[in-house]
Amino acid sequence: MNNPIKVLLVEDQQLVREGLKGLLALSPEIQLVGEAADGAEALELLSQPQALLPDVVLSDMRMPRLDGLGLIRALAARALNIPVLLLTTFDDAAAFDEAVRAGARGFLLKAISPETLVQALRDVAAGGTALRPGLTERMGRVAAKLERGFEATPEPDPLSPKELQVLRLVASGRSNTEIAALLGNSEGVIKNHCSAVFSKMGVRDRTQAVLRAIDLGWI
């Protein structure tokens, strides 16, 4: 058997990280050589004298301190030629373009199958790419849009720049507390922004807001 693919896992949410570790452990082709909660911690691990350099860095795209894009740039600045495969929660065309521009060798949704993930790691480790922006999810949303009746719903009032910023952070999976810290506002202010967004969009919760925003092309 060929040597296993050495992977460094970078994911800020512990439950997600543990789940990914479990999936990777199922494949004899994969050897997990380290894990980090964000890009900054990953760089610290890689700078240790006895660090076992990975063949691929498997990283979440959106994280505190240093995100996946920042990690790619930091690796390049340090002349560490380690390919990065980014994982993201939402099928966002803008995020895909941003990842490609940053130099990501892979871009996949977290909802992929274990087989697809292992194949992507195999492709990237071999010098290829795994840039799949999620066509099936886009097709699924079109069908779901018809079922939800969004086609018959009038376009909502435009959001203010701040409301749109909050909505995009909501779509990235961040909590009100995290958004407040990022934007330098109180949690109460962020809650008010979210309420205004929901009201303008005619939705009840965060999930519906994100789905509606995707349908409208706002994110």
Protein backbone atom coordinates (compact mmCIF):
# COMPACT_ATOMS: atom_id res chain seq x y z
CA MET A 1 0.00 0.00 0.00
CA ASN A 2 1.23 3.54 -0.74
CA ASN A 3 2.20 5.82 2.09
CA PRO A 4 -0.85 7.38 3.78
CA ILE A 5 -1.79 10.96 3.04
CA LYS A 6 -0.70 13.09 6.00
CA VAL A 7 -3.43 15.61 6.92
CA LEU A 8 -3.47 18.59 9.28
CA LEU A 9 -7.06 19.37 10.32
CA VAL A 10 -7.98 22.99 11.12
CA GLU A 11 -11.50 23.62 12.43
CA ASP A 12 -12.66 25.98 15.18
CA GLN A 13 -15.84 24.13 16.18
CA GLN A 14 -14.85 21.19 18.36
CA LEU A 15 -17.87 19.03 17.52
CA VAL A 16 -17.28 19.48 13.80
CA ARG A 17 -13.57 18.81 14.26
CA GLU A 18 -14.27 15.59 16.14
CA GLY A 19 -16.70 14.52 13.44
CA LEU A 20 -14.16 15.13 10.70
CA LYS A 21 -11.52 13.24 12.67
CA GLY A 22 -13.88 10.30 12.92
CA LEU A 23 -14.51 10.34 9.17
CA LEU A 24 -10.82 10.55 8.35
CA ALA A 25 -10.05 7.70 10.74
CA LEU A 26 -12.28 5.42 8.67
CA SER A 27 -9.89 5.61 5.72
CA PRO A 28 -6.58 3.72 5.85
CA GLU A 29 -5.31 6.15 3.22
CA ILE A 30 -5.39 9.08 5.67
CA GLN A 31 -3.02 9.80 8.55
CA LEU A 32 -4.03 12.68 10.81
CA VAL A 33 -0.77 14.34 11.89
CA GLY A 34 -2.24 17.25 13.82
CA GLU A 35 -5.27 19.39 14.58
CA ALA A 36 -5.77 23.07 15.30
CA ALA A 37 -8.66 25.32 16.27
CA ASP A 38 -7.72 28.07 13.78
CA GLY A 39 -5.08 29.13 11.30
CA ALA A 40 -2.89 30.77 13.92
CA GLU A 41 -2.68 27.56 15.94
CA ALA A 42 -1.97 25.61 12.75
CA LEU A 43 1.00 27.87 12.00
CA GLU A 44 2.27 27.34 15.54
CA LEU A 45 2.12 23.57 15.06
CA LEU A 46 3.94 23.76 11.73
CA SER A 47 6.70 25.93 13.21
CA GLN A 48 7.63 23.40 15.88
CA PRO A 49 11.06 21.80 15.30
CA GLN A 50 9.71 18.25 15.32
CA ALA A 51 6.60 19.04 13.30
CA LEU A 52 5.56 16.39 10.80
CA LEU A 53 4.68 18.40 7.71
CA PRO A 54 1.33 17.38 6.22
CA ASP A 55 0.67 16.55 2.59
CA VAL A 56 -2.60 18.51 2.78
CA VAL A 57 -4.09 21.03 5.20
CA LEU A 58 -7.84 20.44 5.56
CA SER A 59 -9.22 23.72 6.89
CA ASP A 60 -12.49 25.43 7.61
CA MET A 61 -12.83 28.62 5.60
CA ARG A 62 -14.34 30.88 8.27
CA MET A 63 -12.62 30.89 11.67
CA PRO A 64 -11.67 33.44 14.34
CA ARG A 65 -8.16 34.91 14.60
CA LEU A 66 -6.85 33.50 11.30
CA ASP A 67 -9.27 31.97 8.81
CA GLY A 68 -8.60 29.54 5.99
CA LEU A 69 -7.80 32.26 3.46
CA GLY A 70 -5.38 33.91 5.85
CA LEU A 71 -3.77 30.55 6.50
CA ILE A 72 -3.17 30.01 2.78
CA ARG A 73 -1.50 33.41 2.49
CA ALA A 74 0.59 32.83 5.62
CA LEU A 75 1.84 29.48 4.33
CA ALA A 76 2.84 31.10 1.05
CA ALA A 77 4.63 33.93 2.89
CA ARG A 78 6.63 31.34 4.83
CA ALA A 79 7.45 29.43 1.65
CA LEU A 80 5.62 26.37 2.97
CA ASN A 81 4.37 24.67 -0.15
CA ILE A 82 1.52 22.79 1.52
CA PRO A 83 -1.77 22.63 -0.42
CA VAL A 84 -4.91 23.69 1.43
CA LEU A 85 -8.34 22.17 0.94
CA LEU A 86 -11.03 24.50 2.30
CA LEU A 87 -14.36 23.38 3.74
CA THR A 88 -17.36 25.69 3.96
CA THR A 89 -20.91 25.41 5.24
CA PHE A 90 -22.65 27.38 2.51
CA ASP A 91 -22.49 27.14 -1.28
CA ASP A 92 -21.42 30.75 -1.85
CA ALA A 93 -20.13 31.67 -5.31
CA ALA A 94 -18.33 34.74 -3.93
CA ALA A 95 -16.57 32.62 -1.32
CA PHE A 96 -15.57 30.14 -4.00
CA ASP A 97 -14.05 32.90 -6.12
CA GLU A 98 -12.27 34.32 -3.07
CA ALA A 99 -10.84 30.89 -2.21
CA VAL A 100 -9.56 30.35 -5.73
CA ARG A 101 -7.93 33.80 -5.81
CA ALA A 102 -6.22 33.09 -2.48
CA GLY A 103 -4.70 29.92 -3.89
CA ALA A 104 -6.86 27.18 -2.37
CA ARG A 105 -6.29 23.83 -4.04
CA GLY A 106 -9.66 22.54 -2.90
CA PHE A 107 -13.05 24.01 -1.99
CA LEU A 108 -15.83 21.73 -0.79
CA LEU A 109 -19.05 21.93 1.17
CA LYS A 110 -19.09 20.28 4.59
CA ALA A 111 -22.17 18.33 3.52
CA ILE A 112 -20.13 16.12 1.17
CA SER A 113 -19.86 12.35 1.63
CA PRO A 114 -16.82 10.77 3.31
CA GLU A 115 -15.90 9.17 -0.02
CA THR A 116 -15.87 12.55 -1.76
CA LEU A 117 -13.74 14.05 1.01
CA VAL A 118 -11.15 11.26 0.82
CA GLN A 119 -11.05 11.49 -2.98
CA ALA A 120 -10.54 15.25 -2.75
CA LEU A 121 -7.66 14.80 -0.31
CA ARG A 122 -6.18 12.20 -2.66
CA ASP A 123 -6.47 14.58 -5.63
CA VAL A 124 -4.94 17.53 -3.80
CA ALA A 125 -2.11 15.46 -2.31
CA ALA A 126 -1.27 14.24 -5.82
CA GLY A 127 -0.89 17.81 -7.06
CA GLY A 128 -4.38 18.23 -8.47
CA THR A 129 -7.36 20.28 -7.37
CA ALA A 130 -10.77 19.65 -5.86
CA LEU A 131 -12.56 22.88 -6.70
CA ARG A 132 -16.21 21.91 -6.68
CA PRO A 133 -18.49 24.85 -5.76
CA GLY A 134 -21.52 22.62 -5.20
CA LEU A 135 -23.58 22.39 -8.35
CA THR A 136 -25.95 19.83 -6.87
CA GLU A 137 -26.72 22.15 -3.96
CA ARG A 138 -27.51 24.97 -6.39
CA MET A 139 -29.88 22.72 -8.31
CA GLY A 140 -31.47 21.59 -5.08
CA ARG A 141 -32.08 25.16 -4.01
CA VAL A 142 -33.91 25.91 -7.23
CA ALA A 143 -36.32 23.05 -6.53
CA ALA A 144 -36.61 24.05 -2.89
CA LYS A 145 -37.31 27.64 -3.90
CA LEU A 146 -40.30 26.55 -5.92
CA GLU A 147 -41.56 24.43 -3.02
CA ARG A 148 -41.19 27.30 -0.55
CA GLY A 149 -43.05 29.65 -2.87
CA PHE A 150 -40.26 32.23 -2.99
CA GLU A 151 -40.94 32.79 -6.68
CA ALA A 152 -44.28 34.37 -5.80
CA THR A 153 -42.85 36.46 -2.94
CA PRO A 154 -42.05 40.07 -3.82
CA GLU A 155 -38.44 41.14 -3.41
CA PRO A 156 -37.97 42.62 0.08
CA ASP A 157 -36.82 46.12 0.88
CA PRO A 158 -33.06 46.50 0.46
CA LEU A 159 -30.93 46.02 3.54
CA SER A 160 -28.64 48.70 4.86
CA PRO A 161 -24.89 48.05 4.47
CA LYS A 162 -24.67 47.12 8.17
CA GLU A 163 -27.67 44.79 7.95
CA LEU A 164 -26.18 43.07 4.90
CA GLN A 165 -22.88 42.69 6.75
CA VAL A 166 -24.68 41.09 9.69
CA LEU A 167 -26.64 38.80 7.35
CA ARG A 168 -23.44 37.58 5.68
CA LEU A 169 -21.90 36.82 9.07
CA VAL A 170 -25.06 34.94 10.05
CA ALA A 171 -24.72 32.94 6.83
CA SER A 172 -21.13 32.05 7.78
CA GLY A 173 -22.52 30.27 10.86
CA ARG A 174 -21.44 32.81 13.47
CA SER A 175 -23.50 33.47 16.60
CA ASN A 176 -24.74 36.90 17.70
CA THR A 177 -21.97 36.97 20.32
CA GLU A 178 -19.30 36.29 17.69
CA ILE A 179 -20.77 38.85 15.29
CA ALA A 180 -20.86 41.46 18.04
CA ALA A 181 -17.18 40.86 18.81
CA LEU A 182 -16.20 41.07 15.15
CA LEU A 183 -18.12 44.29 14.50
CA GLY A 184 -17.41 45.97 17.83
CA ASN A 185 -21.08 46.18 18.82
CA SER A 186 -23.05 44.89 21.76
CA GLU A 187 -24.96 41.65 21.38
CA GLY A 188 -28.19 43.60 21.83
CA VAL A 189 -27.37 45.79 18.82
CA ILE A 190 -26.71 42.70 16.70
CA LYS A 191 -30.01 41.16 17.82
CA ASN A 192 -31.77 44.34 16.73
CA HIS A 193 -30.06 44.19 13.34
CA CYS A 194 -31.11 40.54 12.95
CA SER A 195 -34.71 41.40 13.83
CA ALA A 196 -34.70 44.17 11.24
CA VAL A 197 -33.27 41.82 8.63
CA PHE A 198 -35.87 39.14 9.36
CA SER A 199 -38.66 41.71 9.21
CA LYS A 200 -37.54 43.17 5.87
CA MET A 201 -37.07 39.71 4.37
CA GLY A 202 -40.35 38.35 5.68
CA VAL A 203 -38.74 35.36 7.40
CA ARG A 204 -38.95 33.88 10.90
CA ASP A 205 -35.42 32.75 11.68
CA ARG A 206 -31.76 32.64 10.66
CA THR A 207 -32.09 29.58 8.44
CA GLN A 208 -34.92 31.07 6.42
CA ALA A 209 -33.03 34.35 6.15
CA VAL A 210 -29.96 32.63 4.73
CA LEU A 211 -32.01 30.58 2.26
CA ARG A 212 -33.93 33.66 1.15
CA ALA A 213 -30.72 35.65 0.77
CA ILE A 214 -29.19 32.92 -1.39
CA ASP A 215 -32.31 32.89 -3.57
CA LEU A 216 -32.05 36.66 -3.98
CA GLY A 217 -28.35 36.53 -4.77
CA TRP A 218 -27.46 38.68 -1.76
CA ILE A 219 -24.87 36.19 -0.48
